[in-house]
Amino acid sequence: MDMKEFMIRLKGRIARLSFRTGLVVLGVCVLCYALSFAQMLLPISVTTKGVLWTLLFGMAKACQYSALVILGKEGINRIRARLKS
């Protein structure tokens, strides 16, 4: 199995997860974004802050794209409808 086939299978398996799972992953995404910037207030070295920011921001981006795959277009529309009402 080559890498392209593996990624297609992985995307398919992730997309079958539930709407609720997508919301949980989206919540983790928001938490990672908040932590990536909040850690700048800690009294630690600049190097450590840079490493923490890179790790947390990377995790936030990974969670964001995973949540988008899980939720799909219909899930995003459901969230928008709830926010509008």
PDB file of N, CA and C in Angstrom:
ATOM      1  N   MET A   1       0.857  -1.176   0.000  1.00  0.00           N
ATOM      2  CA  MET A   1       0.000   0.000   0.000  1.00  0.00           C
ATOM      3  C   MET A   1       0.903   1.239   0.000  1.00  0.00           C
ATOM      4  N   ASP A   2       0.692   2.112  -0.959  1.00  0.00           N
ATOM      5  CA  ASP A   2       1.498   3.323  -1.020  1.00  0.00           C
ATOM      6  C   ASP A   2       0.894   4.415  -0.142  1.00  0.00           C
ATOM      7  N   MET A   3       1.617   5.516  -0.024  1.00  0.00           N
ATOM      8  CA  MET A   3       1.223   6.595   0.885  1.00  0.00           C
ATOM      9  C   MET A   3      -0.091   7.253   0.474  1.00  0.00           C
ATOM     10  N   LYS A   4      -0.303   7.448  -0.818  1.00  0.00           N
ATOM     11  CA  LYS A   4      -1.535   8.096  -1.281  1.00  0.00           C
ATOM     12  C   LYS A   4      -2.758   7.254  -0.920  1.00  0.00           C
ATOM     13  N   GLU A   5      -2.674   5.962  -1.131  1.00  0.00           N
ATOM     14  CA  GLU A   5      -3.779   5.065  -0.796  1.00  0.00           C
ATOM     15  C   GLU A   5      -4.022   5.048   0.712  1.00  0.00           C
ATOM     16  N   PHE A   6      -2.946   5.069   1.481  1.00  0.00           N
ATOM     17  CA  PHE A   6      -3.062   5.099   2.938  1.00  0.00           C
ATOM     18  C   PHE A   6      -3.781   6.363   3.406  1.00  0.00           C
ATOM     19  N   MET A   7      -3.414   7.513   2.855  1.00  0.00           N
ATOM     20  CA  MET A   7      -4.036   8.776   3.252  1.00  0.00           C
ATOM     21  C   MET A   7      -5.515   8.816   2.872  1.00  0.00           C
ATOM     22  N   ILE A   8      -5.864   8.259   1.732  1.00  0.00           N
ATOM     23  CA  ILE A   8      -7.271   8.213   1.318  1.00  0.00           C
ATOM     24  C   ILE A   8      -8.071   7.342   2.280  1.00  0.00           C
ATOM     25  N   ARG A   9      -7.509   6.192   2.652  1.00  0.00           N
ATOM     26  CA  ARG A   9      -8.190   5.324   3.622  1.00  0.00           C
ATOM     27  C   ARG A   9      -8.329   5.998   4.983  1.00  0.00           C
ATOM     28  N   LEU A  10      -7.261   6.672   5.415  1.00  0.00           N
ATOM     29  CA  LEU A  10      -7.294   7.362   6.711  1.00  0.00           C
ATOM     30  C   LEU A  10      -8.357   8.454   6.715  1.00  0.00           C
ATOM     31  N   LYS A  11      -8.431   9.238   5.647  1.00  0.00           N
ATOM     32  CA  LYS A  11      -9.437  10.297   5.549  1.00  0.00           C
ATOM     33  C   LYS A  11     -10.839   9.704   5.595  1.00  0.00           C
ATOM     34  N   GLY A  12     -11.045   8.583   4.921  1.00  0.00           N
ATOM     35  CA  GLY A  12     -12.345   7.924   4.933  1.00  0.00           C
ATOM     36  C   GLY A  12     -12.740   7.439   6.313  1.00  0.00           C
ATOM     37  N   ARG A  13     -11.781   6.879   7.039  1.00  0.00           N
ATOM     38  CA  ARG A  13     -12.078   6.397   8.398  1.00  0.00           C
ATOM     39  C   ARG A  13     -12.367   7.552   9.346  1.00  0.00           C
ATOM     40  N   ILE A  14     -11.620   8.648   9.210  1.00  0.00           N
ATOM     41  CA  ILE A  14     -11.849   9.816  10.064  1.00  0.00           C
ATOM     42  C   ILE A  14     -13.202  10.438   9.755  1.00  0.00           C
ATOM     43  N   ALA A  15     -13.562  10.495   8.478  1.00  0.00           N
ATOM     44  CA  ALA A  15     -14.827  11.122   8.076  1.00  0.00           C
ATOM     45  C   ALA A  15     -16.044  10.358   8.587  1.00  0.00           C
ATOM     46  N   ARG A  16     -15.891   9.088   8.936  1.00  0.00           N
ATOM     47  CA  ARG A  16     -17.022   8.304   9.449  1.00  0.00           C
ATOM     48  C   ARG A  16     -17.283   8.540  10.934  1.00  0.00           C
ATOM     49  N   LEU A  17     -16.443   9.311  11.599  1.00  0.00           N
ATOM     50  CA  LEU A  17     -16.664   9.583  13.015  1.00  0.00           C
ATOM     51  C   LEU A  17     -17.883  10.484  13.183  1.00  0.00           C
ATOM     52  N   SER A  18     -18.436  10.515  14.393  1.00  0.00           N
ATOM     53  CA  SER A  18     -19.703  11.212  14.622  1.00  0.00           C
ATOM     54  C   SER A  18     -19.534  12.728  14.713  1.00  0.00           C
ATOM     55  N   PHE A  19     -20.657  13.414  14.609  1.00  0.00           N
ATOM     56  CA  PHE A  19     -20.709  14.869  14.745  1.00  0.00           C
ATOM     57  C   PHE A  19     -20.195  15.295  16.112  1.00  0.00           C
ATOM     58  N   ARG A  20     -20.591  14.565  17.133  1.00  0.00           N
ATOM     59  CA  ARG A  20     -20.160  14.885  18.498  1.00  0.00           C
ATOM     60  C   ARG A  20     -18.635  14.774  18.637  1.00  0.00           C
ATOM     61  N   THR A  21     -18.053  13.760  18.021  1.00  0.00           N
ATOM     62  CA  THR A  21     -16.604  13.604  18.047  1.00  0.00           C
ATOM     63  C   THR A  21     -15.942  14.799  17.369  1.00  0.00           C
ATOM     64  N   GLY A  22     -16.515  15.261  16.274  1.00  0.00           N
ATOM     65  CA  GLY A  22     -15.999  16.438  15.583  1.00  0.00           C
ATOM     66  C   GLY A  22     -16.023  17.673  16.464  1.00  0.00           C
ATOM     67  N   LEU A  23     -17.101  17.814  17.240  1.00  0.00           N
ATOM     68  CA  LEU A  23     -17.180  18.960  18.151  1.00  0.00           C
ATOM     69  C   LEU A  23     -16.141  18.866  19.265  1.00  0.00           C
ATOM     70  N   VAL A  24     -15.893  17.664  19.762  1.00  0.00           N
ATOM     71  CA  VAL A  24     -14.876  17.481  20.801  1.00  0.00           C
ATOM     72  C   VAL A  24     -13.499  17.832  20.245  1.00  0.00           C
ATOM     73  N   VAL A  25     -13.200  17.363  19.050  1.00  0.00           N
ATOM     74  CA  VAL A  25     -11.904  17.677  18.425  1.00  0.00           C
ATOM     75  C   VAL A  25     -11.788  19.175  18.173  1.00  0.00           C
ATOM     76  N   LEU A  26     -12.875  19.816  17.780  1.00  0.00           N
ATOM     77  CA  LEU A  26     -12.882  21.262  17.589  1.00  0.00           C
ATOM     78  C   LEU A  26     -12.627  21.986  18.910  1.00  0.00           C
ATOM     79  N   GLY A  27     -13.190  21.477  20.003  1.00  0.00           N
ATOM     80  CA  GLY A  27     -12.926  22.046  21.325  1.00  0.00           C
ATOM     81  C   GLY A  27     -11.463  21.913  21.733  1.00  0.00           C
ATOM     82  N   VAL A  28     -10.866  20.764  21.435  1.00  0.00           N
ATOM     83  CA  VAL A  28      -9.440  20.568  21.712  1.00  0.00           C
ATOM     84  C   VAL A  28      -8.612  21.540  20.881  1.00  0.00           C
ATOM     85  N   CYS A  29      -9.049  21.791  19.671  1.00  0.00           N
ATOM     86  CA  CYS A  29      -8.377  22.752  18.795  1.00  0.00           C
ATOM     87  C   CYS A  29      -8.360  24.137  19.434  1.00  0.00           C
ATOM     88  N   VAL A  30      -9.499  24.585  19.916  1.00  0.00           N
ATOM     89  CA  VAL A  30      -9.594  25.901  20.557  1.00  0.00           C
ATOM     90  C   VAL A  30      -8.703  25.946  21.792  1.00  0.00           C
ATOM     91  N   LEU A  31      -8.706  24.876  22.565  1.00  0.00           N
ATOM     92  CA  LEU A  31      -7.866  24.806  23.761  1.00  0.00           C
ATOM     93  C   LEU A  31      -6.383  24.903  23.397  1.00  0.00           C
ATOM     94  N   CYS A  32      -5.958  24.209  22.364  1.00  0.00           N
ATOM     95  CA  CYS A  32      -4.554  24.255  21.937  1.00  0.00           C
ATOM     96  C   CYS A  32      -4.168  25.646  21.450  1.00  0.00           C
ATOM     97  N   TYR A  33      -5.070  26.315  20.708  1.00  0.00           N
ATOM     98  CA  TYR A  33      -4.794  27.685  20.277  1.00  0.00           C
ATOM     99  C   TYR A  33      -4.631  28.598  21.491  1.00  0.00           C
ATOM    100  N   ALA A  34      -5.530  28.475  22.461  1.00  0.00           N
ATOM    101  CA  ALA A  34      -5.452  29.316  23.659  1.00  0.00           C
ATOM    102  C   ALA A  34      -4.158  29.063  24.421  1.00  0.00           C
ATOM    103  N   LEU A  35      -3.799  27.802  24.585  1.00  0.00           N
ATOM    104  CA  LEU A  35      -2.573  27.470  25.315  1.00  0.00           C
ATOM    105  C   LEU A  35      -1.322  27.915  24.562  1.00  0.00           C
ATOM    106  N   SER A  36      -1.358  27.868  23.237  1.00  0.00           N
ATOM    107  CA  SER A  36      -0.171  28.254  22.473  1.00  0.00           C
ATOM    108  C   SER A  36       0.179  29.723  22.689  1.00  0.00           C
ATOM    109  N   PHE A  37      -0.811  30.555  22.933  1.00  0.00           N
ATOM    110  CA  PHE A  37      -0.529  31.959  23.182  1.00  0.00           C
ATOM    111  C   PHE A  37      -0.459  32.275  24.678  1.00  0.00           C
ATOM    112  N   ALA A  38      -1.195  31.567  25.505  1.00  0.00           N
ATOM    113  CA  ALA A  38      -1.172  31.819  26.949  1.00  0.00           C
ATOM    114  C   ALA A  38       0.173  31.453  27.559  1.00  0.00           C
ATOM    115  N   GLN A  39       0.872  30.474  27.009  1.00  0.00           N
ATOM    116  CA  GLN A  39       2.156  30.072  27.571  1.00  0.00           C
ATOM    117  C   GLN A  39       3.199  31.181  27.455  1.00  0.00           C
ATOM    118  N   MET A  40       2.948  32.180  26.622  1.00  0.00           N
ATOM    119  CA  MET A  40       3.886  33.307  26.498  1.00  0.00           C
ATOM    120  C   MET A  40       3.960  34.110  27.796  1.00  0.00           C
ATOM    121  N   LEU A  41       2.959  33.981  28.643  1.00  0.00           N
ATOM    122  CA  LEU A  41       2.947  34.709  29.914  1.00  0.00           C
ATOM    123  C   LEU A  41       3.767  34.014  31.002  1.00  0.00           C
ATOM    124  N   LEU A  42       4.187  32.783  30.756  1.00  0.00           N
ATOM    125  CA  LEU A  42       4.951  32.033  31.754  1.00  0.00           C
ATOM    126  C   LEU A  42       6.372  32.566  31.866  1.00  0.00           C
ATOM    127  N   PRO A  43       6.932  32.535  33.088  1.00  0.00           N
ATOM    128  CA  PRO A  43       8.308  33.019  33.282  1.00  0.00           C
ATOM    129  C   PRO A  43       9.340  31.935  32.919  1.00  0.00           C
ATOM    130  N   ILE A  44       9.445  31.604  31.640  1.00  0.00           N
ATOM    131  CA  ILE A  44      10.405  30.598  31.175  1.00  0.00           C
ATOM    132  C   ILE A  44      11.238  31.209  30.054  1.00  0.00           C
ATOM    133  N   SER A  45      12.276  30.493  29.648  1.00  0.00           N
ATOM    134  CA  SER A  45      13.184  31.039  28.632  1.00  0.00           C
ATOM    135  C   SER A  45      12.481  31.213  27.287  1.00  0.00           C
ATOM    136  N   VAL A  46      13.042  32.067  26.477  1.00  0.00           N
ATOM    137  CA  VAL A  46      12.473  32.353  25.157  1.00  0.00           C
ATOM    138  C   VAL A  46      12.521  31.105  24.280  1.00  0.00           C
ATOM    139  N   THR A  47      13.584  30.333  24.401  1.00  0.00           N
ATOM    140  CA  THR A  47      13.696  29.109  23.614  1.00  0.00           C
ATOM    141  C   THR A  47      12.578  28.135  23.961  1.00  0.00           C
ATOM    142  N   THR A  48      12.328  27.957  25.243  1.00  0.00           N
ATOM    143  CA  THR A  48      11.265  27.053  25.688  1.00  0.00           C
ATOM    144  C   THR A  48       9.904  27.560  25.216  1.00  0.00           C
ATOM    145  N   LYS A  49       9.708  28.873  25.281  1.00  0.00           N
ATOM    146  CA  LYS A  49       8.447  29.447  24.798  1.00  0.00           C
ATOM    147  C   LYS A  49       8.259  29.169  23.315  1.00  0.00           C
ATOM    148  N   GLY A  50       9.331  29.300  22.543  1.00  0.00           N
ATOM    149  CA  GLY A  50       9.252  29.036  21.109  1.00  0.00           C
ATOM    150  C   GLY A  50       8.922  27.584  20.808  1.00  0.00           C
ATOM    151  N   VAL A  51       9.546  26.676  21.559  1.00  0.00           N
ATOM    152  CA  VAL A  51       9.273  25.247  21.363  1.00  0.00           C
ATOM    153  C   VAL A  51       7.836  24.930  21.746  1.00  0.00           C
ATOM    154  N   LEU A  52       7.392  25.447  22.892  1.00  0.00           N
ATOM    155  CA  LEU A  52       6.003  25.211  23.323  1.00  0.00           C
ATOM    156  C   LEU A  52       5.009  25.779  22.311  1.00  0.00           C
ATOM    157  N   TRP A  53       5.283  26.986  21.829  1.00  0.00           N
ATOM    158  CA  TRP A  53       4.377  27.593  20.866  1.00  0.00           C
ATOM    159  C   TRP A  53       4.287  26.744  19.608  1.00  0.00           C
ATOM    160  N   THR A  54       5.447  26.286  19.121  1.00  0.00           N
ATOM    161  CA  THR A  54       5.465  25.475  17.905  1.00  0.00           C
ATOM    162  C   THR A  54       4.671  24.185  18.092  1.00  0.00           C
ATOM    163  N   LEU A  55       4.886  23.505  19.219  1.00  0.00           N
ATOM    164  CA  LEU A  55       4.170  22.256  19.481  1.00  0.00           C
ATOM    165  C   LEU A  55       2.668  22.478  19.625  1.00  0.00           C
ATOM    166  N   LEU A  56       2.289  23.449  20.444  1.00  0.00           N
ATOM    167  CA  LEU A  56       0.861  23.681  20.692  1.00  0.00           C
ATOM    168  C   LEU A  56       0.146  24.208  19.448  1.00  0.00           C
ATOM    169  N   PHE A  57       0.803  25.103  18.713  1.00  0.00           N
ATOM    170  CA  PHE A  57       0.184  25.638  17.501  1.00  0.00           C
ATOM    171  C   PHE A  57       0.057  24.545  16.448  1.00  0.00           C
ATOM    172  N   GLY A  58       1.053  23.687  16.338  1.00  0.00           N
ATOM    173  CA  GLY A  58       0.982  22.560  15.418  1.00  0.00           C
ATOM    174  C   GLY A  58      -0.136  21.600  15.776  1.00  0.00           C
ATOM    175  N   MET A  59      -0.289  21.333  17.074  1.00  0.00           N
ATOM    176  CA  MET A  59      -1.391  20.467  17.518  1.00  0.00           C
ATOM    177  C   MET A  59      -2.735  21.113  17.210  1.00  0.00           C
ATOM    178  N   ALA A  60      -2.824  22.440  17.396  1.00  0.00           N
ATOM    179  CA  ALA A  60      -4.074  23.142  17.111  1.00  0.00           C
ATOM    180  C   ALA A  60      -4.433  23.029  15.637  1.00  0.00           C
ATOM    181  N   LYS A  61      -3.449  23.196  14.768  1.00  0.00           N
ATOM    182  CA  LYS A  61      -3.710  23.081  13.331  1.00  0.00           C
ATOM    183  C   LYS A  61      -4.120  21.655  12.958  1.00  0.00           C
ATOM    184  N   ALA A  62      -3.449  20.667  13.532  1.00  0.00           N
ATOM    185  CA  ALA A  62      -3.795  19.269  13.249  1.00  0.00           C
ATOM    186  C   ALA A  62      -5.230  18.976  13.703  1.00  0.00           C
ATOM    187  N   CYS A  63      -5.592  19.458  14.885  1.00  0.00           N
ATOM    188  CA  CYS A  63      -6.958  19.264  15.387  1.00  0.00           C
ATOM    189  C   CYS A  63      -7.970  19.999  14.516  1.00  0.00           C
ATOM    190  N   GLN A  64      -7.605  21.189  14.059  1.00  0.00           N
ATOM    191  CA  GLN A  64      -8.510  21.961  13.218  1.00  0.00           C
ATOM    192  C   GLN A  64      -8.834  21.211  11.928  1.00  0.00           C
ATOM    193  N   TYR A  65      -7.805  20.717  11.253  1.00  0.00           N
ATOM    194  CA  TYR A  65      -8.048  20.016   9.996  1.00  0.00           C
ATOM    195  C   TYR A  65      -8.742  18.677  10.227  1.00  0.00           C
ATOM    196  N   SER A  66      -8.435  18.011  11.328  1.00  0.00           N
ATOM    197  CA  SER A  66      -9.121  16.757  11.652  1.00  0.00           C
ATOM    198  C   SER A  66     -10.600  17.010  11.916  1.00  0.00           C
ATOM    199  N   ALA A  67     -10.902  18.074  12.650  1.00  0.00           N
ATOM    200  CA  ALA A  67     -12.302  18.407  12.935  1.00  0.00           C
ATOM    201  C   ALA A  67     -13.054  18.731  11.657  1.00  0.00           C
ATOM    202  N   LEU A  68     -12.395  19.428  10.735  1.00  0.00           N
ATOM    203  CA  LEU A  68     -13.053  19.740   9.469  1.00  0.00           C
ATOM    204  C   LEU A  68     -13.360  18.485   8.675  1.00  0.00           C
ATOM    205  N   VAL A  69     -12.446  17.520   8.688  1.00  0.00           N
ATOM    206  CA  VAL A  69     -12.694  16.265   7.974  1.00  0.00           C
ATOM    207  C   VAL A  69     -13.818  15.489   8.652  1.00  0.00           C
ATOM    208  N   ILE A  70     -13.820  15.463   9.991  1.00  0.00           N
ATOM    209  CA  ILE A  70     -14.850  14.725  10.724  1.00  0.00           C
ATOM    210  C   ILE A  70     -16.225  15.359  10.506  1.00  0.00           C
ATOM    211  N   LEU A  71     -16.295  16.673  10.628  1.00  0.00           N
ATOM    212  CA  LEU A  71     -17.582  17.349  10.527  1.00  0.00           C
ATOM    213  C   LEU A  71     -18.103  17.388   9.093  1.00  0.00           C
ATOM    214  N   GLY A  72     -17.242  17.648   8.158  1.00  0.00           N
ATOM    215  CA  GLY A  72     -17.665  17.742   6.767  1.00  0.00           C
ATOM    216  C   GLY A  72     -18.502  18.991   6.527  1.00  0.00           C
ATOM    217  N   LYS A  73     -18.990  19.120   5.332  1.00  0.00           N
ATOM    218  CA  LYS A  73     -19.766  20.303   4.953  1.00  0.00           C
ATOM    219  C   LYS A  73     -21.070  20.388   5.737  1.00  0.00           C
ATOM    220  N   GLU A  74     -21.754  19.266   5.892  1.00  0.00           N
ATOM    221  CA  GLU A  74     -23.039  19.277   6.610  1.00  0.00           C
ATOM    222  C   GLU A  74     -22.855  19.630   8.079  1.00  0.00           C
ATOM    223  N   GLY A  75     -21.801  19.129   8.688  1.00  0.00           N
ATOM    224  CA  GLY A  75     -21.535  19.446  10.094  1.00  0.00           C
ATOM    225  C   GLY A  75     -21.241  20.915  10.302  1.00  0.00           C
ATOM    226  N   ILE A  76     -20.470  21.496   9.388  1.00  0.00           N
ATOM    227  CA  ILE A  76     -20.169  22.926   9.472  1.00  0.00           C
ATOM    228  C   ILE A  76     -21.454  23.733   9.316  1.00  0.00           C
ATOM    229  N   ASN A  77     -22.321  23.310   8.405  1.00  0.00           N
ATOM    230  CA  ASN A  77     -23.605  24.003   8.230  1.00  0.00           C
ATOM    231  C   ASN A  77     -24.468  23.888   9.475  1.00  0.00           C
ATOM    232  N   ARG A  78     -24.440  22.736  10.161  1.00  0.00           N
ATOM    233  CA  ARG A  78     -25.200  22.577  11.407  1.00  0.00           C
ATOM    234  C   ARG A  78     -24.691  23.524  12.487  1.00  0.00           C
ATOM    235  N   ILE A  79     -23.380  23.667  12.582  1.00  0.00           N
ATOM    236  CA  ILE A  79     -22.801  24.568  13.581  1.00  0.00           C
ATOM    237  C   ILE A  79     -23.172  26.014  13.271  1.00  0.00           C
ATOM    238  N   ARG A  80     -23.063  26.397  12.005  1.00  0.00           N
ATOM    239  CA  ARG A  80     -23.435  27.769  11.617  1.00  0.00           C
ATOM    240  C   ARG A  80     -24.892  28.052  11.918  1.00  0.00           C
ATOM    241  N   ALA A  81     -25.763  27.104  11.650  1.00  0.00           N
ATOM    242  CA  ALA A  81     -27.198  27.291  11.912  1.00  0.00           C
ATOM    243  C   ALA A  81     -27.459  27.473  13.394  1.00  0.00           C
ATOM    244  N   ARG A  82     -26.763  26.712  14.224  1.00  0.00           N
ATOM    245  CA  ARG A  82     -26.935  26.851  15.672  1.00  0.00           C
ATOM    246  C   ARG A  82     -26.425  28.191  16.179  1.00  0.00           C
ATOM    247  N   LEU A  83     -25.325  28.660  15.604  1.00  0.00           N
ATOM    248  CA  LEU A  83     -24.770  29.942  16.037  1.00  0.00           C
ATOM    249  C   LEU A  83     -25.648  31.113  15.613  1.00  0.00           C
ATOM    250  N   LYS A  84     -26.339  30.985  14.473  1.00  0.00           N
ATOM    251  CA  LYS A  84     -27.203  32.047  14.003  1.00  0.00           C
ATOM    252  C   LYS A  84     -28.496  32.153  14.794  1.00  0.00           C
ATOM    253  N   SER A  85     -28.970  31.021  15.314  1.00  0.00           N
ATOM    254  CA  SER A  85     -30.264  31.056  16.021  1.00  0.00           C
ATOM    255  C   SER A  85     -30.118  31.424  17.472  1.00  0.00           C
TER     256      SER A  85
END
